Amino acid sequence: MAATLNIFLAILLLSITNGAYGESGGVSYIHVSQARTGRSVEGQPEYEVTVSNKYFCAQSNVLVNCFGLNSVKPVDPRVIKPVDAKRCSINEGKPIPALSQVKFTYAWKTPQDFPVVSALEFC
């Protein structure tokens, strides 16, 4: 009886953390942060951007607003790539593993905002 109860509680806990009874993955679990690296490129400060998946499942098709992604240095298109005049795809649309992150750098006179537009849970 105790073993059955323990199995039930383990399944219930796993279901809750994976979103079956709580909030599912998506935009609220993708966090974008950035910081100056201390380097300059063509006289412009360089920034490192970290896109983190804070969910227990992978997140795919992550899109951020980037408004053309201004930079005086090339950015890695495997990490961030404009898909139209307003949005950029992160990680080529491929899943960002659970509790992982991807990073890229750019150089521009001011830091840019990268608000998350969409993301899909990939369990």
PDB file of N, CA and C in Angstrom:
ATOM      1  N   MET A   1       0.821  -1.196   0.000  1.00  0.00           N
ATOM      2  CA  MET A   1       0.000   0.000   0.000  1.00  0.00           C
ATOM      3  C   MET A   1       0.869   1.265   0.000  1.00  0.00           C
ATOM      4  N   ALA A   2       1.893   1.289   0.847  1.00  0.00           N
ATOM      5  CA  ALA A   2       2.778   2.451   0.920  1.00  0.00           C
ATOM      6  C   ALA A   2       3.530   2.644  -0.390  1.00  0.00           C
ATOM      7  N   ALA A   3       3.947   1.558  -1.021  1.00  0.00           N
ATOM      8  CA  ALA A   3       4.655   1.651  -2.295  1.00  0.00           C
ATOM      9  C   ALA A   3       3.747   2.237  -3.371  1.00  0.00           C
ATOM     10  N   THR A   4       2.487   1.833  -3.390  1.00  0.00           N
ATOM     11  CA  THR A   4       1.529   2.357  -4.365  1.00  0.00           C
ATOM     12  C   THR A   4       1.306   3.846  -4.141  1.00  0.00           C
ATOM     13  N   LEU A   5       1.190   4.253  -2.904  1.00  0.00           N
ATOM     14  CA  LEU A   5       1.014   5.661  -2.577  1.00  0.00           C
ATOM     15  C   LEU A   5       2.232   6.476  -3.018  1.00  0.00           C
ATOM     16  N   ASN A   6       3.428   5.960  -2.773  1.00  0.00           N
ATOM     17  CA  ASN A   6       4.652   6.656  -3.193  1.00  0.00           C
ATOM     18  C   ASN A   6       4.720   6.810  -4.704  1.00  0.00           C
ATOM     19  N   ILE A   7       4.341   5.778  -5.440  1.00  0.00           N
ATOM     20  CA  ILE A   7       4.335   5.852  -6.908  1.00  0.00           C
ATOM     21  C   ILE A   7       3.324   6.894  -7.364  1.00  0.00           C
ATOM     22  N   PHE A   8       2.126   6.891  -6.764  1.00  0.00           N
ATOM     23  CA  PHE A   8       1.105   7.866  -7.114  1.00  0.00           C
ATOM     24  C   PHE A   8       1.601   9.285  -6.862  1.00  0.00           C
ATOM     25  N   LEU A   9       2.202   9.520  -5.702  1.00  0.00           N
ATOM     26  CA  LEU A   9       2.710  10.857  -5.380  1.00  0.00           C
ATOM     27  C   LEU A   9       3.823  11.275  -6.331  1.00  0.00           C
ATOM     28  N   ALA A  10       4.697  10.350  -6.720  1.00  0.00           N
ATOM     29  CA  ALA A  10       5.775  10.662  -7.665  1.00  0.00           C
ATOM     30  C   ALA A  10       5.205  11.048  -9.023  1.00  0.00           C
ATOM     31  N   ILE A  11       4.199  10.312  -9.493  1.00  0.00           N
ATOM     32  CA  ILE A  11       3.569  10.628 -10.780  1.00  0.00           C
ATOM     33  C   ILE A  11       2.862  11.979 -10.700  1.00  0.00           C
ATOM     34  N   LEU A  12       2.168  12.225  -9.612  1.00  0.00           N
ATOM     35  CA  LEU A  12       1.490  13.506  -9.438  1.00  0.00           C
ATOM     36  C   LEU A  12       2.484  14.663  -9.448  1.00  0.00           C
ATOM     37  N   LEU A  13       3.584  14.546  -8.714  1.00  0.00           N
ATOM     38  CA  LEU A  13       4.607  15.587  -8.669  1.00  0.00           C
ATOM     39  C   LEU A  13       5.206  15.816 -10.045  1.00  0.00           C
ATOM     40  N   LEU A  14       5.500  14.753 -10.763  1.00  0.00           N
ATOM     41  CA  LEU A  14       6.055  14.875 -12.111  1.00  0.00           C
ATOM     42  C   LEU A  14       5.064  15.557 -13.039  1.00  0.00           C
ATOM     43  N   SER A  15       3.796  15.230 -12.933  1.00  0.00           N
ATOM     44  CA  SER A  15       2.769  15.857 -13.769  1.00  0.00           C
ATOM     45  C   SER A  15       2.663  17.346 -13.501  1.00  0.00           C
ATOM     46  N   ILE A  16       2.717  17.718 -12.241  1.00  0.00           N
ATOM     47  CA  ILE A  16       2.611  19.136 -11.895  1.00  0.00           C
ATOM     48  C   ILE A  16       3.808  19.908 -12.424  1.00  0.00           C
ATOM     49  N   THR A  17       5.020  19.394 -12.252  1.00  0.00           N
ATOM     50  CA  THR A  17       6.205  20.117 -12.720  1.00  0.00           C
ATOM     51  C   THR A  17       6.284  20.131 -14.238  1.00  0.00           C
ATOM     52  N   ASN A  18       5.646  19.204 -14.915  1.00  0.00           N
ATOM     53  CA  ASN A  18       5.642  19.199 -16.378  1.00  0.00           C
ATOM     54  C   ASN A  18       4.447  19.928 -16.958  1.00  0.00           C
ATOM     55  N   GLY A  19       3.613  20.516 -16.114  1.00  0.00           N
ATOM     56  CA  GLY A  19       2.553  21.378 -16.604  1.00  0.00           C
ATOM     57  C   GLY A  19       1.199  20.718 -16.758  1.00  0.00           C
ATOM     58  N   ALA A  20       1.029  19.463 -16.447  1.00  0.00           N
ATOM     59  CA  ALA A  20      -0.256  18.827 -16.646  1.00  0.00           C
ATOM     60  C   ALA A  20      -1.339  19.461 -15.781  1.00  0.00           C
ATOM     61  N   TYR A  21      -1.016  19.877 -14.558  1.00  0.00           N
ATOM     62  CA  TYR A  21      -1.989  20.482 -13.675  1.00  0.00           C
ATOM     63  C   TYR A  21      -1.684  21.948 -13.400  1.00  0.00           C
ATOM     64  N   GLY A  22      -0.538  22.413 -13.820  1.00  0.00           N
ATOM     65  CA  GLY A  22      -0.149  23.798 -13.594  1.00  0.00           C
ATOM     66  C   GLY A  22       0.025  24.503 -14.921  1.00  0.00           C
ATOM     67  N   GLU A  23       0.803  25.542 -14.918  1.00  0.00           N
ATOM     68  CA  GLU A  23       1.055  26.324 -16.115  1.00  0.00           C
ATOM     69  C   GLU A  23       1.959  25.542 -17.059  1.00  0.00           C
ATOM     70  N   SER A  24       1.621  25.549 -18.341  1.00  0.00           N
ATOM     71  CA  SER A  24       2.463  24.847 -19.311  1.00  0.00           C
ATOM     72  C   SER A  24       3.618  25.747 -19.734  1.00  0.00           C
ATOM     73  N   GLY A  25       4.526  25.197 -20.520  1.00  0.00           N
ATOM     74  CA  GLY A  25       5.685  25.951 -20.978  1.00  0.00           C
ATOM     75  C   GLY A  25       5.279  27.048 -21.942  1.00  0.00           C
ATOM     76  N   GLY A  26       6.257  27.701 -22.519  1.00  0.00           N
ATOM     77  CA  GLY A  26       5.991  28.757 -23.471  1.00  0.00           C
ATOM     78  C   GLY A  26       6.704  30.033 -23.083  1.00  0.00           C
ATOM     79  N   VAL A  27       6.128  31.129 -23.529  1.00  0.00           N
ATOM     80  CA  VAL A  27       6.745  32.449 -23.400  1.00  0.00           C
ATOM     81  C   VAL A  27       7.170  32.768 -21.968  1.00  0.00           C
ATOM     82  N   SER A  28       6.359  32.424 -20.990  1.00  0.00           N
ATOM     83  CA  SER A  28       6.675  32.813 -19.613  1.00  0.00           C
ATOM     84  C   SER A  28       7.916  32.113 -19.069  1.00  0.00           C
ATOM     85  N   TYR A  29       8.376  31.074 -19.729  1.00  0.00           N
ATOM     86  CA  TYR A  29       9.560  30.349 -19.262  1.00  0.00           C
ATOM     87  C   TYR A  29      10.822  30.652 -20.073  1.00  0.00           C
ATOM     88  N   ILE A  30      10.714  31.520 -21.057  1.00  0.00           N
ATOM     89  CA  ILE A  30      11.886  31.939 -21.825  1.00  0.00           C
ATOM     90  C   ILE A  30      12.294  33.314 -21.302  1.00  0.00           C
ATOM     91  N   HIS A  31      13.519  33.412 -20.821  1.00  0.00           N
ATOM     92  CA  HIS A  31      14.023  34.660 -20.250  1.00  0.00           C
ATOM     93  C   HIS A  31      15.203  35.158 -21.077  1.00  0.00           C
ATOM     94  N   VAL A  32      15.178  36.434 -21.382  1.00  0.00           N
ATOM     95  CA  VAL A  32      16.260  37.064 -22.142  1.00  0.00           C
ATOM     96  C   VAL A  32      16.946  38.068 -21.236  1.00  0.00           C
ATOM     97  N   SER A  33      18.261  37.933 -21.120  1.00  0.00           N
ATOM     98  CA  SER A  33      19.041  38.898 -20.354  1.00  0.00           C
ATOM     99  C   SER A  33      20.246  39.299 -21.184  1.00  0.00           C
ATOM    100  N   GLN A  34      20.799  40.441 -20.875  1.00  0.00           N
ATOM    101  CA  GLN A  34      21.994  40.871 -21.594  1.00  0.00           C
ATOM    102  C   GLN A  34      22.864  41.738 -20.709  1.00  0.00           C
ATOM    103  N   ALA A  35      24.133  41.758 -21.069  1.00  0.00           N
ATOM    104  CA  ALA A  35      25.110  42.547 -20.320  1.00  0.00           C
ATOM    105  C   ALA A  35      26.216  42.987 -21.263  1.00  0.00           C
ATOM    106  N   ARG A  36      26.816  44.110 -20.962  1.00  0.00           N
ATOM    107  CA  ARG A  36      27.978  44.561 -21.740  1.00  0.00           C
ATOM    108  C   ARG A  36      29.134  43.620 -21.468  1.00  0.00           C
ATOM    109  N   THR A  37      29.888  43.329 -22.529  1.00  0.00           N
ATOM    110  CA  THR A  37      31.043  42.443 -22.375  1.00  0.00           C
ATOM    111  C   THR A  37      32.286  43.199 -21.938  1.00  0.00           C
ATOM    112  N   GLY A  38      32.297  44.515 -22.106  1.00  0.00           N
ATOM    113  CA  GLY A  38      33.479  45.312 -21.805  1.00  0.00           C
ATOM    114  C   GLY A  38      34.332  45.550 -23.046  1.00  0.00           C
ATOM    115  N   ARG A  39      33.981  44.900 -24.150  1.00  0.00           N
ATOM    116  CA  ARG A  39      34.697  45.096 -25.417  1.00  0.00           C
ATOM    117  C   ARG A  39      33.940  46.100 -26.295  1.00  0.00           C
ATOM    118  N   SER A  40      34.661  46.652 -27.272  1.00  0.00           N
ATOM    119  CA  SER A  40      34.070  47.547 -28.266  1.00  0.00           C
ATOM    120  C   SER A  40      34.371  47.014 -29.651  1.00  0.00           C
ATOM    121  N   VAL A  41      33.427  47.232 -30.562  1.00  0.00           N
ATOM    122  CA  VAL A  41      33.597  46.869 -31.962  1.00  0.00           C
ATOM    123  C   VAL A  41      33.265  48.110 -32.779  1.00  0.00           C
ATOM    124  N   GLU A  42      34.216  48.578 -33.553  1.00  0.00           N
ATOM    125  CA  GLU A  42      34.044  49.798 -34.348  1.00  0.00           C
ATOM    126  C   GLU A  42      33.519  50.948 -33.487  1.00  0.00           C
ATOM    127  N   GLY A  43      34.035  51.042 -32.255  1.00  0.00           N
ATOM    128  CA  GLY A  43      33.666  52.121 -31.346  1.00  0.00           C
ATOM    129  C   GLY A  43      32.331  51.927 -30.644  1.00  0.00           C
ATOM    130  N   GLN A  44      31.652  50.817 -30.897  1.00  0.00           N
ATOM    131  CA  GLN A  44      30.355  50.554 -30.268  1.00  0.00           C
ATOM    132  C   GLN A  44      30.510  49.487 -29.186  1.00  0.00           C
ATOM    133  N   PRO A  45      29.808  49.622 -28.066  1.00  0.00           N
ATOM    134  CA  PRO A  45      29.904  48.607 -27.015  1.00  0.00           C
ATOM    135  C   PRO A  45      29.317  47.271 -27.480  1.00  0.00           C
ATOM    136  N   GLU A  46      29.940  46.197 -27.023  1.00  0.00           N
ATOM    137  CA  GLU A  46      29.466  44.852 -27.346  1.00  0.00           C
ATOM    138  C   GLU A  46      28.603  44.340 -26.192  1.00  0.00           C
ATOM    139  N   TYR A  47      27.534  43.662 -26.545  1.00  0.00           N
ATOM    140  CA  TYR A  47      26.615  43.082 -25.564  1.00  0.00           C
ATOM    141  C   TYR A  47      26.522  41.580 -25.776  1.00  0.00           C
ATOM    142  N   GLU A  48      26.425  40.832 -24.673  1.00  0.00           N
ATOM    143  CA  GLU A  48      26.164  39.401 -24.752  1.00  0.00           C
ATOM    144  C   GLU A  48      24.731  39.172 -24.282  1.00  0.00           C
ATOM    145  N   VAL A  49      23.967  38.474 -25.118  1.00  0.00           N
ATOM    146  CA  VAL A  49      22.570  38.182 -24.819  1.00  0.00           C
ATOM    147  C   VAL A  49      22.446  36.699 -24.496  1.00  0.00           C
ATOM    148  N   THR A  50      21.744  36.398 -23.419  1.00  0.00           N
ATOM    149  CA  THR A  50      21.487  35.022 -23.023  1.00  0.00           C
ATOM    150  C   THR A  50      19.991  34.775 -23.088  1.00  0.00           C
ATOM    151  N   VAL A  51      19.607  33.759 -23.866  1.00  0.00           N
ATOM    152  CA  VAL A  51      18.216  33.340 -23.956  1.00  0.00           C
ATOM    153  C   VAL A  51      18.122  32.025 -23.196  1.00  0.00           C
ATOM    154  N   SER A  52      17.417  32.038 -22.067  1.00  0.00           N
ATOM    155  CA  SER A  52      17.357  30.882 -21.177  1.00  0.00           C
ATOM    156  C   SER A  52      15.983  30.235 -21.205  1.00  0.00           C
ATOM    157  N   ASN A  53      15.972  28.910 -21.232  1.00  0.00           N
ATOM    158  CA  ASN A  53      14.743  28.138 -21.097  1.00  0.00           C
ATOM    159  C   ASN A  53      14.667  27.683 -19.643  1.00  0.00           C
ATOM    160  N   LYS A  54      13.752  28.235 -18.903  1.00  0.00           N
ATOM    161  CA  LYS A  54      13.621  27.928 -17.479  1.00  0.00           C
ATOM    162  C   LYS A  54      12.559  26.853 -17.212  1.00  0.00           C
ATOM    163  N   TYR A  55      12.184  26.121 -18.260  1.00  0.00           N
ATOM    164  CA  TYR A  55      11.132  25.113 -18.141  1.00  0.00           C
ATOM    165  C   TYR A  55      11.743  23.717 -18.115  1.00  0.00           C
ATOM    166  N   PHE A  56      10.972  22.744 -17.629  1.00  0.00           N
ATOM    167  CA  PHE A  56      11.447  21.369 -17.508  1.00  0.00           C
ATOM    168  C   PHE A  56      11.328  20.575 -18.804  1.00  0.00           C
ATOM    169  N   CYS A  57      10.856  21.209 -19.856  1.00  0.00           N
ATOM    170  CA  CYS A  57      10.810  20.606 -21.186  1.00  0.00           C
ATOM    171  C   CYS A  57      11.531  21.551 -22.147  1.00  0.00           C
ATOM    172  N   ALA A  58      11.938  21.014 -23.269  1.00  0.00           N
ATOM    173  CA  ALA A  58      12.551  21.856 -24.295  1.00  0.00           C
ATOM    174  C   ALA A  58      11.510  22.843 -24.820  1.00  0.00           C
ATOM    175  N   GLN A  59      11.989  23.961 -25.350  1.00  0.00           N
ATOM    176  CA  GLN A  59      11.126  24.967 -25.970  1.00  0.00           C
ATOM    177  C   GLN A  59      11.635  25.188 -27.392  1.00  0.00           C
ATOM    178  N   SER A  60      10.737  25.079 -28.367  1.00  0.00           N
ATOM    179  CA  SER A  60      11.134  25.248 -29.761  1.00  0.00           C
ATOM    180  C   SER A  60      10.415  26.439 -30.381  1.00  0.00           C
ATOM    181  N   ASN A  61      10.809  26.785 -31.603  1.00  0.00           N
ATOM    182  CA  ASN A  61      10.215  27.892 -32.348  1.00  0.00           C
ATOM    183  C   ASN A  61      10.144  29.171 -31.518  1.00  0.00           C
ATOM    184  N   VAL A  62      11.229  29.474 -30.822  1.00  0.00           N
ATOM    185  CA  VAL A  62      11.278  30.683 -29.996  1.00  0.00           C
ATOM    186  C   VAL A  62      11.483  31.887 -30.910  1.00  0.00           C
ATOM    187  N   LEU A  63      10.582  32.842 -30.792  1.00  0.00           N
ATOM    188  CA  LEU A  63      10.672  34.088 -31.550  1.00  0.00           C
ATOM    189  C   LEU A  63      10.743  35.258 -30.582  1.00  0.00           C
ATOM    190  N   VAL A  64      11.595  36.231 -30.908  1.00  0.00           N
ATOM    191  CA  VAL A  64      11.702  37.465 -30.137  1.00  0.00           C
ATOM    192  C   VAL A  64      11.511  38.644 -31.069  1.00  0.00           C
ATOM    193  N   ASN A  65      11.048  39.756 -30.526  1.00  0.00           N
ATOM    194  CA  ASN A  65      11.048  40.994 -31.305  1.00  0.00           C
ATOM    195  C   ASN A  65      12.484  41.491 -31.357  1.00  0.00           C
ATOM    196  N   CYS A  66      12.940  41.840 -32.551  1.00  0.00           N
ATOM    197  CA  CYS A  66      14.322  42.311 -32.689  1.00  0.00           C
ATOM    198  C   CYS A  66      14.421  43.519 -33.605  1.00  0.00           C
ATOM    199  N   PHE A  67      13.361  43.849 -34.314  1.00  0.00           N
ATOM    200  CA  PHE A  67      13.298  45.021 -35.177  1.00  0.00           C
ATOM    201  C   PHE A  67      14.518  45.168 -36.074  1.00  0.00           C
ATOM    202  N   GLY A  68      14.893  44.068 -36.744  1.00  0.00           N
ATOM    203  CA  GLY A  68      15.988  44.097 -37.699  1.00  0.00           C
ATOM    204  C   GLY A  68      17.344  43.732 -37.142  1.00  0.00           C
ATOM    205  N   LEU A  69      17.479  43.657 -35.852  1.00  0.00           N
ATOM    206  CA  LEU A  69      18.724  43.272 -35.188  1.00  0.00           C
ATOM    207  C   LEU A  69      19.905  44.119 -35.651  1.00  0.00           C
ATOM    208  N   ASN A  70      20.015  45.313 -35.116  1.00  0.00           N
ATOM    209  CA  ASN A  70      21.108  46.218 -35.448  1.00  0.00           C
ATOM    210  C   ASN A  70      22.397  45.782 -34.778  1.00  0.00           C
ATOM    211  N   SER A  71      23.473  45.716 -35.579  1.00  0.00           N
ATOM    212  CA  SER A  71      24.791  45.379 -35.046  1.00  0.00           C
ATOM    213  C   SER A  71      25.854  45.771 -36.059  1.00  0.00           C
ATOM    214  N   VAL A  72      26.963  46.316 -35.557  1.00  0.00           N
ATOM    215  CA  VAL A  72      28.077  46.652 -36.445  1.00  0.00           C
ATOM    216  C   VAL A  72      28.988  45.447 -36.662  1.00  0.00           C
ATOM    217  N   LYS A  73      28.723  44.352 -35.982  1.00  0.00           N
ATOM    218  CA  LYS A  73      29.463  43.120 -36.177  1.00  0.00           C
ATOM    219  C   LYS A  73      28.475  42.017 -36.538  1.00  0.00           C
ATOM    220  N   PRO A  74      28.918  41.028 -37.282  1.00  0.00           N
ATOM    221  CA  PRO A  74      28.005  39.930 -37.625  1.00  0.00           C
ATOM    222  C   PRO A  74      27.573  39.165 -36.373  1.00  0.00           C
ATOM    223  N   VAL A  75      26.312  38.757 -36.368  1.00  0.00           N
ATOM    224  CA  VAL A  75      25.808  37.900 -35.298  1.00  0.00           C
ATOM    225  C   VAL A  75      25.711  36.480 -35.845  1.00  0.00           C
ATOM    226  N   ASP A  76      25.757  35.506 -34.950  1.00  0.00           N
ATOM    227  CA  ASP A  76      25.696  34.105 -35.354  1.00  0.00           C
ATOM    228  C   ASP A  76      24.266  33.764 -35.778  1.00  0.00           C
ATOM    229  N   PRO A  77      24.020  33.532 -37.082  1.00  0.00           N
ATOM    230  CA  PRO A  77      22.658  33.261 -37.539  1.00  0.00           C
ATOM    231  C   PRO A  77      22.109  31.920 -37.045  1.00  0.00           C
ATOM    232  N   ARG A  78      22.969  31.067 -36.505  1.00  0.00           N
ATOM    233  CA  ARG A  78      22.476  29.814 -35.926  1.00  0.00           C
ATOM    234  C   ARG A  78      21.814  30.069 -34.575  1.00  0.00           C
ATOM    235  N   VAL A  79      22.136  31.205 -33.950  1.00  0.00           N
ATOM    236  CA  VAL A  79      21.564  31.531 -32.639  1.00  0.00           C
ATOM    237  C   VAL A  79      20.416  32.524 -32.769  1.00  0.00           C
ATOM    238  N   ILE A  80      20.597  33.558 -33.584  1.00  0.00           N
ATOM    239  CA  ILE A  80      19.528  34.540 -33.802  1.00  0.00           C
ATOM    240  C   ILE A  80      19.554  34.966 -35.263  1.00  0.00           C
ATOM    241  N   LYS A  81      18.368  34.972 -35.861  1.00  0.00           N
ATOM    242  CA  LYS A  81      18.280  35.308 -37.284  1.00  0.00           C
ATOM    243  C   LYS A  81      16.947  36.000 -37.547  1.00  0.00           C
ATOM    244  N   PRO A  82      16.985  37.176 -38.200  1.00  0.00           N
ATOM    245  CA  PRO A  82      15.731  37.845 -38.536  1.00  0.00           C
ATOM    246  C   PRO A  82      14.869  36.967 -39.453  1.00  0.00           C
ATOM    247  N   VAL A  83      13.565  36.927 -39.168  1.00  0.00           N
ATOM    248  CA  VAL A  83      12.624  36.206 -40.029  1.00  0.00           C
ATOM    249  C   VAL A  83      11.731  37.177 -40.786  1.00  0.00           C
ATOM    250  N   ASP A  84      11.640  38.400 -40.291  1.00  0.00           N
ATOM    251  CA  ASP A  84      10.951  39.481 -40.978  1.00  0.00           C
ATOM    252  C   ASP A  84      11.472  40.794 -40.397  1.00  0.00           C
ATOM    253  N   ALA A  85      10.838  41.916 -40.729  1.00  0.00           N
ATOM    254  CA  ALA A  85      11.342  43.218 -40.286  1.00  0.00           C
ATOM    255  C   ALA A  85      11.217  43.429 -38.783  1.00  0.00           C
ATOM    256  N   LYS A  86      10.455  42.592 -38.103  1.00  0.00           N
ATOM    257  CA  LYS A  86      10.172  42.808 -36.691  1.00  0.00           C
ATOM    258  C   LYS A  86      10.699  41.697 -35.778  1.00  0.00           C
ATOM    259  N   ARG A  87      10.688  40.446 -36.251  1.00  0.00           N
ATOM    260  CA  ARG A  87      10.976  39.306 -35.370  1.00  0.00           C
ATOM    261  C   ARG A  87      12.225  38.536 -35.792  1.00  0.00           C
ATOM    262  N   CYS A  88      12.821  37.878 -34.793  1.00  0.00           N
ATOM    263  CA  CYS A  88      13.977  37.010 -35.022  1.00  0.00           C
ATOM    264  C   CYS A  88      13.703  35.629 -34.437  1.00  0.00           C
ATOM    265  N   SER A  89      14.239  34.627 -35.097  1.00  0.00           N
ATOM    266  CA  SER A  89      14.164  33.251 -34.627  1.00  0.00           C
ATOM    267  C   SER A  89      15.393  32.950 -33.782  1.00  0.00           C
ATOM    268  N   ILE A  90      15.195  32.242 -32.689  1.00  0.00           N
ATOM    269  CA  ILE A  90      16.286  31.849 -31.810  1.00  0.00           C
ATOM    270  C   ILE A  90      16.614  30.382 -32.038  1.00  0.00           C
ATOM    271  N   ASN A  91      17.892  30.062 -32.150  1.00  0.00           N
ATOM    272  CA  ASN A  91      18.371  28.683 -32.268  1.00  0.00           C
ATOM    273  C   ASN A  91      17.818  27.986 -33.509  1.00  0.00           C
ATOM    274  N   GLU A  92      17.631  28.742 -34.581  1.00  0.00           N
ATOM    275  CA  GLU A  92      17.097  28.232 -35.846  1.00  0.00           C
ATOM    276  C   GLU A  92      15.741  27.554 -35.689  1.00  0.00           C
ATOM    277  N   GLY A  93      15.000  27.928 -34.634  1.00  0.00           N
ATOM    278  CA  GLY A  93      13.709  27.311 -34.374  1.00  0.00           C
ATOM    279  C   GLY A  93      13.803  25.953 -33.704  1.00  0.00           C
ATOM    280  N   LYS A  94      15.017  25.452 -33.579  1.00  0.00           N
ATOM    281  CA  LYS A  94      15.225  24.148 -32.944  1.00  0.00           C
ATOM    282  C   LYS A  94      14.992  24.265 -31.441  1.00  0.00           C
ATOM    283  N   PRO A  95      14.701  23.140 -30.796  1.00  0.00           N
ATOM    284  CA  PRO A  95      14.449  23.195 -29.353  1.00  0.00           C
ATOM    285  C   PRO A  95      15.660  23.692 -28.556  1.00  0.00           C
ATOM    286  N   ILE A  96      15.371  24.520 -27.580  1.00  0.00           N
ATOM    287  CA  ILE A  96      16.356  24.859 -26.553  1.00  0.00           C
ATOM    288  C   ILE A  96      16.092  23.856 -25.437  1.00  0.00           C
ATOM    289  N   PRO A  97      17.061  23.028 -25.113  1.00  0.00           N
ATOM    290  CA  PRO A  97      16.819  21.985 -24.106  1.00  0.00           C
ATOM    291  C   PRO A  97      16.329  22.550 -22.775  1.00  0.00           C
ATOM    292  N   ALA A  98      15.681  21.689 -22.017  1.00  0.00           N
ATOM    293  CA  ALA A  98      15.187  22.063 -20.701  1.00  0.00           C
ATOM    294  C   ALA A  98      16.307  22.640 -19.850  1.00  0.00           C
ATOM    295  N   LEU A  99      16.006  23.735 -19.175  1.00  0.00           N
ATOM    296  CA  LEU A  99      16.924  24.379 -18.237  1.00  0.00           C
ATOM    297  C   LEU A  99      18.276  24.701 -18.867  1.00  0.00           C
ATOM    298  N   SER A 100      18.254  25.093 -20.145  1.00  0.00           N
ATOM    299  CA  SER A 100      19.482  25.426 -20.881  1.00  0.00           C
ATOM    300  C   SER A 100      19.386  26.845 -21.431  1.00  0.00           C
ATOM    301  N   GLN A 101      20.447  27.249 -22.093  1.00  0.00           N
ATOM    302  CA  GLN A 101      20.492  28.593 -22.657  1.00  0.00           C
ATOM    303  C   GLN A 101      21.307  28.618 -23.938  1.00  0.00           C
ATOM    304  N   VAL A 102      21.057  29.640 -24.735  1.00  0.00           N
ATOM    305  CA  VAL A 102      21.876  29.939 -25.910  1.00  0.00           C
ATOM    306  C   VAL A 102      22.312  31.397 -25.777  1.00  0.00           C
ATOM    307  N   LYS A 103      23.466  31.713 -26.361  1.00  0.00           N
ATOM    308  CA  LYS A 103      24.020  33.065 -26.236  1.00  0.00           C
ATOM    309  C   LYS A 103      24.483  33.582 -27.588  1.00  0.00           C
ATOM    310  N   PHE A 104      24.428  34.906 -27.724  1.00  0.00           N
ATOM    311  CA  PHE A 104      25.002  35.566 -28.889  1.00  0.00           C
ATOM    312  C   PHE A 104      25.488  36.944 -28.463  1.00  0.00           C
ATOM    313  N   THR A 105      26.352  37.522 -29.277  1.00  0.00           N
ATOM    314  CA  THR A 105      26.837  38.870 -29.021  1.00  0.00           C
ATOM    315  C   THR A 105      26.506  39.763 -30.209  1.00  0.00           C
ATOM    316  N   TYR A 106      26.359  41.035 -29.916  1.00  0.00           N
ATOM    317  CA  TYR A 106      26.170  42.047 -30.943  1.00  0.00           C
ATOM    318  C   TYR A 106      26.813  43.327 -30.434  1.00  0.00           C
ATOM    319  N   ALA A 107      27.058  44.261 -31.332  1.00  0.00           N
ATOM    320  CA  ALA A 107      27.641  45.555 -30.958  1.00  0.00           C
ATOM    321  C   ALA A 107      26.787  46.660 -31.557  1.00  0.00           C
ATOM    322  N   TRP A 108      26.349  47.562 -30.682  1.00  0.00           N
ATOM    323  CA  TRP A 108      25.511  48.671 -31.115  1.00  0.00           C
ATOM    324  C   TRP A 108      25.623  49.782 -30.086  1.00  0.00           C
ATOM    325  N   LYS A 109      25.247  50.987 -30.476  1.00  0.00           N
ATOM    326  CA  LYS A 109      25.422  52.135 -29.595  1.00  0.00           C
ATOM    327  C   LYS A 109      24.601  52.048 -28.310  1.00  0.00           C
ATOM    328  N   THR A 110      23.450  51.400 -28.363  1.00  0.00           N
ATOM    329  CA  THR A 110      22.617  51.213 -27.169  1.00  0.00           C
ATOM    330  C   THR A 110      22.141  49.764 -27.117  1.00  0.00           C
ATOM    331  N   PRO A 111      21.819  49.275 -25.932  1.00  0.00           N
ATOM    332  CA  PRO A 111      21.303  47.906 -25.860  1.00  0.00           C
ATOM    333  C   PRO A 111      19.920  47.820 -26.502  1.00  0.00           C
ATOM    334  N   GLN A 112      19.655  46.685 -27.133  1.00  0.00           N
ATOM    335  CA  GLN A 112      18.365  46.453 -27.768  1.00  0.00           C
ATOM    336  C   GLN A 112      17.503  45.567 -26.871  1.00  0.00           C
ATOM    337  N   ASP A 113      16.219  45.726 -27.000  1.00  0.00           N
ATOM    338  CA  ASP A 113      15.299  44.848 -26.285  1.00  0.00           C
ATOM    339  C   ASP A 113      14.967  43.649 -27.163  1.00  0.00           C
ATOM    340  N   PHE A 114      14.803  42.497 -26.542  1.00  0.00           N
ATOM    341  CA  PHE A 114      14.443  41.273 -27.248  1.00  0.00           C
ATOM    342  C   PHE A 114      13.274  40.594 -26.539  1.00  0.00           C
ATOM    343  N   PRO A 115      12.090  41.250 -26.498  1.00  0.00           N
ATOM    344  CA  PRO A 115      10.966  40.607 -25.829  1.00  0.00           C
ATOM    345  C   PRO A 115      10.536  39.328 -26.551  1.00  0.00           C
ATOM    346  N   VAL A 116      10.216  38.319 -25.770  1.00  0.00           N
ATOM    347  CA  VAL A 116       9.817  37.029 -26.324  1.00  0.00           C
ATOM    348  C   VAL A 116       8.389  37.146 -26.860  1.00  0.00           C
ATOM    349  N   VAL A 117       8.201  36.697 -28.097  1.00  0.00           N
ATOM    350  CA  VAL A 117       6.908  36.756 -28.751  1.00  0.00           C
ATOM    351  C   VAL A 117       6.191  35.418 -28.658  1.00  0.00           C
ATOM    352  N   SER A 118       6.922  34.329 -28.910  1.00  0.00           N
ATOM    353  CA  SER A 118       6.298  33.008 -28.861  1.00  0.00           C
ATOM    354  C   SER A 118       7.333  31.931 -28.614  1.00  0.00           C
ATOM    355  N   ALA A 119       6.847  30.818 -28.097  1.00  0.00           N
ATOM    356  CA  ALA A 119       7.659  29.632 -27.857  1.00  0.00           C
ATOM    357  C   ALA A 119       6.707  28.454 -27.696  1.00  0.00           C
ATOM    358  N   LEU A 120       7.159  27.284 -28.128  1.00  0.00           N
ATOM    359  CA  LEU A 120       6.325  26.098 -28.034  1.00  0.00           C
ATOM    360  C   LEU A 120       6.989  25.054 -27.148  1.00  0.00           C
ATOM    361  N   GLU A 121       6.209  24.530 -26.227  1.00  0.00           N
ATOM    362  CA  GLU A 121       6.678  23.437 -25.377  1.00  0.00           C
ATOM    363  C   GLU A 121       6.981  22.226 -26.258  1.00  0.00           C
ATOM    364  N   PHE A 122       8.104  21.577 -25.999  1.00  0.00           N
ATOM    365  CA  PHE A 122       8.541  20.440 -26.814  1.00  0.00           C
ATOM    366  C   PHE A 122       8.928  19.320 -25.863  1.00  0.00           C
ATOM    367  N   CYS A 123       7.918  18.573 -25.358  1.00  0.00           N
ATOM    368  CA  CYS A 123       8.178  17.477 -24.422  1.00  0.00           C
ATOM    369  C   CYS A 123       8.108  16.134 -25.131  1.00  0.00           C
TER     370      CYS A 123
END
